[in-house]
Amino acid sequence: MNSEVNFILLRNHVLFKQLTYKECSQLNIVTGYLKPKKNEYVYFDKSSLDRLYFLKKGYIKIGYYDEQGNEVIREVLKEGDVFGQIGLENYDNEGEFAQAIKGEASICSFTIADFEEILKKRPDLAISFTKLVGLKFKKLQNRLSNIVFKDVKQRLVEFFITFSENNNPEALDKIAIQNYLTHADIASLIGSTRQTVTTLINKMEEDGILQFERKQVAIPSFKKLKLYSISL
């Protein structure tokens, strides 16, 4: 992949649209272009702790393994998301893995050192990046708060509300979303078990709130979904 294509890829992102062609070249993205296949890891060790990654296409699962060897998913990313050393510190994601799911992904990456050189010259970019990081951490904090203070049913319904909002740019009431998550993925994201999530999803389907299939999640009425959450 040449520099011109990389420049176009980054300029499509709200954060990197501020970059000039020269600044894009300084990030040396050509050497950090990745196309991991389904289930292939983008990183799984300390050798990749000095990079930022921009997901151009596909889905990436971010997680870690607990002391019992169980997989814990922190988040599932889609096109346009940035991941890796978001805090620009070499120890931020130690023990973390990033894995392509559903199919092949397309990723641009660059080193923290190269990015920091750009930030020194572009305070506007630094401010935009700080806002992006703040929003990302806020979402993670909200998720943790939900796990602590809300029951599983509430967490699951709110998950589907957020899932719908994030994947419904036209704000339609009837929504059909490409599904890139399993029951086990959702269970890990909301701090539950696969069996419990399966039972609750079946109940939501019986109530006409959603239709969960391997390739698609259909929400007959987003308004009804929100009302369903209020009734819990």
C-alpha atoms as a PDB file:
ATOM      1  CA  MET A   1       0.000   0.000   0.000  1.00  0.00           C
ATOM      2  CA  ASN A   2       1.522   3.362  -1.036  1.00  0.00           C
ATOM      3  CA  SER A   3       1.648   6.639   0.876  1.00  0.00           C
ATOM      4  CA  GLU A   4      -1.099   8.295  -1.182  1.00  0.00           C
ATOM      5  CA  VAL A   5      -3.610   5.567  -0.333  1.00  0.00           C
ATOM      6  CA  ASN A   6      -2.596   5.721   3.325  1.00  0.00           C
ATOM      7  CA  PHE A   7      -3.101   9.470   3.309  1.00  0.00           C
ATOM      8  CA  ILE A   8      -6.636   9.039   1.954  1.00  0.00           C
ATOM      9  CA  LEU A   9      -7.401   6.351   4.540  1.00  0.00           C
ATOM     10  CA  LEU A  10      -6.369   8.547   7.445  1.00  0.00           C
ATOM     11  CA  ARG A  11      -8.028  11.679   6.089  1.00  0.00           C
ATOM     12  CA  ASN A  12     -11.354   9.838   6.214  1.00  0.00           C
ATOM     13  CA  HIS A  13     -11.104   9.767  10.000  1.00  0.00           C
ATOM     14  CA  VAL A  14     -12.343  12.714  12.064  1.00  0.00           C
ATOM     15  CA  LEU A  15      -9.064  12.822  14.007  1.00  0.00           C
ATOM     16  CA  PHE A  16      -6.572  12.447  11.190  1.00  0.00           C
ATOM     17  CA  LYS A  17      -8.345  14.662   8.646  1.00  0.00           C
ATOM     18  CA  GLN A  18      -6.195  17.479  10.044  1.00  0.00           C
ATOM     19  CA  LEU A  19      -2.967  15.879   8.818  1.00  0.00           C
ATOM     20  CA  THR A  20      -1.080  17.172   5.803  1.00  0.00           C
ATOM     21  CA  TYR A  21       0.391  14.766   3.264  1.00  0.00           C
ATOM     22  CA  LYS A  22       3.873  15.429   4.676  1.00  0.00           C
ATOM     23  CA  GLU A  23       2.749  14.673   8.231  1.00  0.00           C
ATOM     24  CA  CYS A  24       1.087  11.482   7.076  1.00  0.00           C
ATOM     25  CA  SER A  25       4.354  10.410   5.448  1.00  0.00           C
ATOM     26  CA  GLN A  26       6.224  11.127   8.681  1.00  0.00           C
ATOM     27  CA  LEU A  27       4.076   8.534  10.458  1.00  0.00           C
ATOM     28  CA  ASN A  28       5.639   5.791   8.279  1.00  0.00           C
ATOM     29  CA  ILE A  29       2.310   3.994   7.941  1.00  0.00           C
ATOM     30  CA  VAL A  30       3.466   1.904   4.973  1.00  0.00           C
ATOM     31  CA  THR A  31       5.584  -0.240   7.287  1.00  0.00           C
ATOM     32  CA  GLY A  32       2.703  -0.589   9.732  1.00  0.00           C
ATOM     33  CA  TYR A  33      -0.093  -1.617   7.369  1.00  0.00           C
ATOM     34  CA  LEU A  34      -1.765  -4.850   8.516  1.00  0.00           C
ATOM     35  CA  LYS A  35      -4.440  -7.187   7.120  1.00  0.00           C
ATOM     36  CA  PRO A  36      -5.091  -9.779   9.843  1.00  0.00           C
ATOM     37  CA  LYS A  37      -7.408 -12.622   8.875  1.00  0.00           C
ATOM     38  CA  LYS A  38     -10.308 -13.855  11.015  1.00  0.00           C
ATOM     39  CA  ASN A  39      -9.110 -14.920  14.511  1.00  0.00           C
ATOM     40  CA  GLU A  40      -5.574 -13.672  13.799  1.00  0.00           C
ATOM     41  CA  TYR A  41      -4.020 -11.498  16.513  1.00  0.00           C
ATOM     42  CA  VAL A  42      -2.944  -7.944  15.758  1.00  0.00           C
ATOM     43  CA  TYR A  43      -0.901  -8.039  18.959  1.00  0.00           C
ATOM     44  CA  PHE A  44      -0.580 -10.402  21.891  1.00  0.00           C
ATOM     45  CA  ASP A  45       2.738  -9.543  23.486  1.00  0.00           C
ATOM     46  CA  LYS A  46       4.976  -6.666  24.574  1.00  0.00           C
ATOM     47  CA  SER A  47       6.526  -6.268  21.111  1.00  0.00           C
ATOM     48  CA  SER A  48       3.583  -4.116  19.972  1.00  0.00           C
ATOM     49  CA  LEU A  49       3.275  -1.869  23.010  1.00  0.00           C
ATOM     50  CA  ASP A  50       4.641   1.202  21.242  1.00  0.00           C
ATOM     51  CA  ARG A  51       2.019   1.644  18.523  1.00  0.00           C
ATOM     52  CA  LEU A  52      -1.365   3.158  17.727  1.00  0.00           C
ATOM     53  CA  TYR A  53      -3.704   1.369  15.329  1.00  0.00           C
ATOM     54  CA  PHE A  54      -6.417   2.819  13.082  1.00  0.00           C
ATOM     55  CA  LEU A  55      -9.081   0.318  11.990  1.00  0.00           C
ATOM     56  CA  LYS A  56      -9.995   1.035   8.389  1.00  0.00           C
ATOM     57  CA  LYS A  57     -12.139  -2.061   7.773  1.00  0.00           C
ATOM     58  CA  GLY A  58     -13.450  -5.024   9.761  1.00  0.00           C
ATOM     59  CA  TYR A  59     -13.895  -5.744  13.461  1.00  0.00           C
ATOM     60  CA  ILE A  60     -11.338  -6.086  16.244  1.00  0.00           C
ATOM     61  CA  LYS A  61     -11.825  -7.630  19.664  1.00  0.00           C
ATOM     62  CA  ILE A  62      -9.797  -6.139  22.542  1.00  0.00           C
ATOM     63  CA  GLY A  63      -9.372  -8.225  25.682  1.00  0.00           C
ATOM     64  CA  TYR A  64      -7.156 -10.157  28.055  1.00  0.00           C
ATOM     65  CA  TYR A  65      -7.045 -13.489  29.892  1.00  0.00           C
ATOM     66  CA  ASP A  66      -7.731 -13.593  33.611  1.00  0.00           C
ATOM     67  CA  GLU A  67      -5.844 -15.704  36.168  1.00  0.00           C
ATOM     68  CA  GLN A  68      -8.095 -18.682  35.439  1.00  0.00           C
ATOM     69  CA  GLY A  69      -7.374 -18.446  31.726  1.00  0.00           C
ATOM     70  CA  ASN A  70     -10.808 -17.103  30.832  1.00  0.00           C
ATOM     71  CA  GLU A  71     -11.080 -14.596  28.015  1.00  0.00           C
ATOM     72  CA  VAL A  72     -12.366 -11.193  29.106  1.00  0.00           C
ATOM     73  CA  ILE A  73     -13.442  -8.792  26.358  1.00  0.00           C
ATOM     74  CA  ARG A  74     -13.001  -5.090  27.058  1.00  0.00           C
ATOM     75  CA  GLU A  75     -14.505  -3.808  23.824  1.00  0.00           C
ATOM     76  CA  VAL A  76     -15.271  -4.679  20.226  1.00  0.00           C
ATOM     77  CA  LEU A  77     -14.146  -2.116  17.665  1.00  0.00           C
ATOM     78  CA  LYS A  78     -15.401  -1.359  14.191  1.00  0.00           C
ATOM     79  CA  GLU A  79     -14.370   0.784  11.224  1.00  0.00           C
ATOM     80  CA  GLY A  80     -12.977   4.174  12.250  1.00  0.00           C
ATOM     81  CA  ASP A  81     -11.885   3.198  15.763  1.00  0.00           C
ATOM     82  CA  VAL A  82      -8.403   3.820  17.121  1.00  0.00           C
ATOM     83  CA  PHE A  83      -6.767   1.396  19.538  1.00  0.00           C
ATOM     84  CA  GLY A  84      -3.417   0.337  20.986  1.00  0.00           C
ATOM     85  CA  GLN A  85      -1.380   2.685  23.164  1.00  0.00           C
ATOM     86  CA  ILE A  86      -4.148   5.268  23.486  1.00  0.00           C
ATOM     87  CA  GLY A  87      -2.555   6.737  26.616  1.00  0.00           C
ATOM     88  CA  LEU A  88       0.812   7.036  24.797  1.00  0.00           C
ATOM     89  CA  GLU A  89       2.501   5.102  27.628  1.00  0.00           C
ATOM     90  CA  ASN A  90       4.381   1.859  26.971  1.00  0.00           C
ATOM     91  CA  TYR A  91       2.678  -0.064  29.771  1.00  0.00           C
ATOM     92  CA  ASP A  92      -0.931   0.933  29.093  1.00  0.00           C
ATOM     93  CA  ASN A  93      -2.071  -2.274  27.400  1.00  0.00           C
ATOM     94  CA  GLU A  94       0.391  -4.811  28.806  1.00  0.00           C
ATOM     95  CA  GLY A  95      -1.319  -8.202  28.900  1.00  0.00           C
ATOM     96  CA  GLU A  96      -3.923  -7.055  26.383  1.00  0.00           C
ATOM     97  CA  PHE A  97      -4.619  -8.652  23.012  1.00  0.00           C
ATOM     98  CA  ALA A  98      -6.274  -7.402  19.824  1.00  0.00           C
ATOM     99  CA  GLN A  99      -7.826  -9.996  17.534  1.00  0.00           C
ATOM    100  CA  ALA A 100      -9.636  -9.795  14.194  1.00  0.00           C
ATOM    101  CA  ILE A 101     -13.151 -11.274  14.278  1.00  0.00           C
ATOM    102  CA  LYS A 102     -15.796 -12.052  11.667  1.00  0.00           C
ATOM    103  CA  GLY A 103     -13.354 -11.711   8.781  1.00  0.00           C
ATOM    104  CA  GLU A 104     -10.216 -10.004   7.502  1.00  0.00           C
ATOM    105  CA  ALA A 105      -9.482  -6.543   8.886  1.00  0.00           C
ATOM    106  CA  SER A 106      -7.576  -3.637   7.370  1.00  0.00           C
ATOM    107  CA  ILE A 107      -5.414  -1.614   9.768  1.00  0.00           C
ATOM    108  CA  CYS A 108      -2.975   1.283   9.583  1.00  0.00           C
ATOM    109  CA  SER A 109      -0.523   1.630  12.453  1.00  0.00           C
ATOM    110  CA  PHE A 110       2.291   3.924  13.512  1.00  0.00           C
ATOM    111  CA  THR A 111       4.680   4.230  16.425  1.00  0.00           C
ATOM    112  CA  ILE A 112       4.016   6.386  19.462  1.00  0.00           C
ATOM    113  CA  ALA A 113       7.331   8.149  18.868  1.00  0.00           C
ATOM    114  CA  ASP A 114       6.343   9.212  15.325  1.00  0.00           C
ATOM    115  CA  PHE A 115       2.907  10.344  16.493  1.00  0.00           C
ATOM    116  CA  GLU A 116       4.325  12.368  19.384  1.00  0.00           C
ATOM    117  CA  GLU A 117       6.598  14.241  16.972  1.00  0.00           C
ATOM    118  CA  ILE A 118       3.496  15.306  15.012  1.00  0.00           C
ATOM    119  CA  LEU A 119       1.656  16.277  18.212  1.00  0.00           C
ATOM    120  CA  LYS A 120       4.510  18.596  19.231  1.00  0.00           C
ATOM    121  CA  LYS A 121       3.991  20.613  16.057  1.00  0.00           C
ATOM    122  CA  ARG A 122       0.187  20.370  15.938  1.00  0.00           C
ATOM    123  CA  PRO A 123      -1.503  21.443  19.212  1.00  0.00           C
ATOM    124  CA  ASP A 124      -4.891  21.297  17.449  1.00  0.00           C
ATOM    125  CA  LEU A 125      -4.355  17.608  16.743  1.00  0.00           C
ATOM    126  CA  ALA A 126      -3.220  17.080  20.337  1.00  0.00           C
ATOM    127  CA  ILE A 127      -6.467  18.610  21.623  1.00  0.00           C
ATOM    128  CA  SER A 128      -8.578  16.446  19.294  1.00  0.00           C
ATOM    129  CA  PHE A 129      -6.677  13.334  20.353  1.00  0.00           C
ATOM    130  CA  THR A 130      -7.147  14.202  24.045  1.00  0.00           C
ATOM    131  CA  LYS A 131     -10.904  14.506  23.494  1.00  0.00           C
ATOM    132  CA  LEU A 132     -10.981  11.151  21.713  1.00  0.00           C
ATOM    133  CA  VAL A 133      -9.096   9.471  24.560  1.00  0.00           C
ATOM    134  CA  GLY A 134     -11.371  11.098  27.140  1.00  0.00           C
ATOM    135  CA  LEU A 135     -14.488   9.851  25.341  1.00  0.00           C
ATOM    136  CA  LYS A 136     -13.059   6.346  25.095  1.00  0.00           C
ATOM    137  CA  PHE A 137     -12.260   6.201  28.818  1.00  0.00           C
ATOM    138  CA  LYS A 138     -15.679   7.632  29.678  1.00  0.00           C
ATOM    139  CA  LYS A 139     -17.392   4.807  27.783  1.00  0.00           C
ATOM    140  CA  LEU A 140     -15.302   2.229  29.624  1.00  0.00           C
ATOM    141  CA  GLN A 141     -16.101   3.863  32.977  1.00  0.00           C
ATOM    142  CA  ASN A 142     -19.823   3.862  32.178  1.00  0.00           C
ATOM    143  CA  ARG A 143     -19.617   0.184  31.309  1.00  0.00           C
ATOM    144  CA  LEU A 144     -17.871  -0.599  34.597  1.00  0.00           C
ATOM    145  CA  SER A 145     -20.480   1.441  36.492  1.00  0.00           C
ATOM    146  CA  ASN A 146     -23.283  -0.532  34.818  1.00  0.00           C
ATOM    147  CA  ILE A 147     -21.671  -3.829  35.823  1.00  0.00           C
ATOM    148  CA  VAL A 148     -21.426  -2.679  39.444  1.00  0.00           C
ATOM    149  CA  PHE A 149     -24.843  -1.057  39.890  1.00  0.00           C
ATOM    150  CA  LYS A 150     -27.238  -2.698  37.411  1.00  0.00           C
ATOM    151  CA  ASP A 151     -28.536  -6.242  37.071  1.00  0.00           C
ATOM    152  CA  VAL A 152     -27.786  -8.420  34.062  1.00  0.00           C
ATOM    153  CA  LYS A 153     -31.107  -7.810  32.325  1.00  0.00           C
ATOM    154  CA  GLN A 154     -30.676  -4.017  32.529  1.00  0.00           C
ATOM    155  CA  ARG A 155     -27.081  -4.275  31.308  1.00  0.00           C
ATOM    156  CA  LEU A 156     -28.089  -6.423  28.355  1.00  0.00           C
ATOM    157  CA  VAL A 157     -30.923  -4.138  27.242  1.00  0.00           C
ATOM    158  CA  GLU A 158     -28.717  -1.052  27.576  1.00  0.00           C
ATOM    159  CA  PHE A 159     -26.032  -2.863  25.594  1.00  0.00           C
ATOM    160  CA  PHE A 160     -28.461  -3.319  22.691  1.00  0.00           C
ATOM    161  CA  ILE A 161     -29.543   0.328  22.961  1.00  0.00           C
ATOM    162  CA  THR A 162     -25.924   1.481  22.664  1.00  0.00           C
ATOM    163  CA  PHE A 163     -25.239  -1.115  19.962  1.00  0.00           C
ATOM    164  CA  SER A 164     -28.186   0.232  17.968  1.00  0.00           C
ATOM    165  CA  GLU A 165     -27.194   3.885  18.412  1.00  0.00           C
ATOM    166  CA  ASN A 166     -23.587   3.227  17.356  1.00  0.00           C
ATOM    167  CA  ASN A 167     -24.617   1.352  14.227  1.00  0.00           C
ATOM    168  CA  ASN A 168     -27.626   3.398  13.148  1.00  0.00           C
ATOM    169  CA  PRO A 169     -26.319   6.693  11.729  1.00  0.00           C
ATOM    170  CA  GLU A 170     -29.636   7.495  10.034  1.00  0.00           C
ATOM    171  CA  ALA A 171     -31.472   7.230  13.378  1.00  0.00           C
ATOM    172  CA  LEU A 172     -34.208   4.967  12.037  1.00  0.00           C
ATOM    173  CA  ASP A 173     -36.762   3.338  14.328  1.00  0.00           C
ATOM    174  CA  LYS A 174     -36.580  -0.037  12.547  1.00  0.00           C
ATOM    175  CA  ILE A 175     -32.966  -1.167  12.524  1.00  0.00           C
ATOM    176  CA  ALA A 176     -31.045  -4.028  10.922  1.00  0.00           C
ATOM    177  CA  ILE A 177     -27.394  -4.277  11.949  1.00  0.00           C
ATOM    178  CA  GLN A 178     -24.696  -6.603  10.678  1.00  0.00           C
ATOM    179  CA  ASN A 179     -23.910  -8.853  13.623  1.00  0.00           C
ATOM    180  CA  TYR A 180     -20.269  -9.318  14.582  1.00  0.00           C
ATOM    181  CA  LEU A 181     -20.833 -10.621  18.117  1.00  0.00           C
ATOM    182  CA  THR A 182     -21.645 -13.983  19.662  1.00  0.00           C
ATOM    183  CA  HIS A 183     -23.626 -14.561  22.854  1.00  0.00           C
ATOM    184  CA  ALA A 184     -20.301 -15.271  24.568  1.00  0.00           C
ATOM    185  CA  ASP A 185     -18.848 -11.939  23.350  1.00  0.00           C
ATOM    186  CA  ILE A 186     -21.834 -10.008  24.710  1.00  0.00           C
ATOM    187  CA  ALA A 187     -21.684 -11.900  28.000  1.00  0.00           C
ATOM    188  CA  SER A 188     -18.045 -10.913  28.460  1.00  0.00           C
ATOM    189  CA  LEU A 189     -18.747  -7.288  27.566  1.00  0.00           C
ATOM    190  CA  ILE A 190     -21.542  -6.935  30.136  1.00  0.00           C
ATOM    191  CA  GLY A 191     -19.984  -9.106  32.850  1.00  0.00           C
ATOM    192  CA  SER A 192     -22.312 -12.092  32.655  1.00  0.00           C
ATOM    193  CA  THR A 193     -22.328 -15.704  31.437  1.00  0.00           C
ATOM    194  CA  ARG A 194     -23.158 -17.009  27.992  1.00  0.00           C
ATOM    195  CA  GLN A 195     -26.019 -19.132  29.355  1.00  0.00           C
ATOM    196  CA  THR A 196     -27.651 -16.144  31.079  1.00  0.00           C
ATOM    197  CA  VAL A 197     -27.289 -13.930  28.023  1.00  0.00           C
ATOM    198  CA  THR A 198     -28.769 -16.630  25.775  1.00  0.00           C
ATOM    199  CA  THR A 199     -31.772 -16.990  28.086  1.00  0.00           C
ATOM    200  CA  LEU A 200     -32.361 -13.219  28.228  1.00  0.00           C
ATOM    201  CA  ILE A 201     -31.979 -12.754  24.470  1.00  0.00           C
ATOM    202  CA  ASN A 202     -34.509 -15.543  23.898  1.00  0.00           C
ATOM    203  CA  LYS A 203     -36.918 -13.693  26.220  1.00  0.00           C
ATOM    204  CA  MET A 204     -36.366 -10.425  24.338  1.00  0.00           C
ATOM    205  CA  GLU A 205     -37.112 -12.233  21.079  1.00  0.00           C
ATOM    206  CA  GLU A 206     -40.314 -13.665  22.565  1.00  0.00           C
ATOM    207  CA  ASP A 207     -41.312 -10.138  23.611  1.00  0.00           C
ATOM    208  CA  GLY A 208     -40.728  -8.871  20.068  1.00  0.00           C
ATOM    209  CA  ILE A 209     -37.924  -6.538  21.119  1.00  0.00           C
ATOM    210  CA  LEU A 210     -35.234  -7.897  18.811  1.00  0.00           C
ATOM    211  CA  GLN A 211     -34.255 -10.725  16.494  1.00  0.00           C
ATOM    212  CA  PHE A 212     -30.740 -12.008  17.084  1.00  0.00           C
ATOM    213  CA  GLU A 213     -29.218 -14.049  14.255  1.00  0.00           C
ATOM    214  CA  ARG A 214     -25.673 -15.053  13.409  1.00  0.00           C
ATOM    215  CA  LYS A 215     -25.346 -12.479  10.627  1.00  0.00           C
ATOM    216  CA  GLN A 216     -27.804  -9.811  11.720  1.00  0.00           C
ATOM    217  CA  VAL A 217     -29.451  -8.160  14.701  1.00  0.00           C
ATOM    218  CA  ALA A 218     -32.865  -6.703  13.873  1.00  0.00           C
ATOM    219  CA  ILE A 219     -34.614  -4.160  16.105  1.00  0.00           C
ATOM    220  CA  PRO A 220     -38.282  -3.896  14.967  1.00  0.00           C
ATOM    221  CA  SER A 221     -38.703  -0.647  16.938  1.00  0.00           C
ATOM    222  CA  PHE A 222     -35.943   1.305  18.650  1.00  0.00           C
ATOM    223  CA  LYS A 223     -38.589   3.254  20.575  1.00  0.00           C
ATOM    224  CA  LYS A 224     -40.005  -0.020  21.893  1.00  0.00           C
ATOM    225  CA  LEU A 225     -36.514  -1.135  22.890  1.00  0.00           C
ATOM    226  CA  LYS A 226     -36.018   2.045  24.934  1.00  0.00           C
ATOM    227  CA  LEU A 227     -39.424   1.706  26.555  1.00  0.00           C
ATOM    228  CA  TYR A 228     -38.541  -1.891  27.368  1.00  0.00           C
ATOM    229  CA  SER A 229     -35.477  -0.687  29.272  1.00  0.00           C
ATOM    230  CA  ILE A 230     -37.574   1.779  31.313  1.00  0.00           C
ATOM    231  CA  SER A 231     -39.976  -0.987  32.312  1.00  0.00           C
ATOM    232  CA  LEU A 232     -37.254  -3.153  33.879  1.00  0.00           C
END
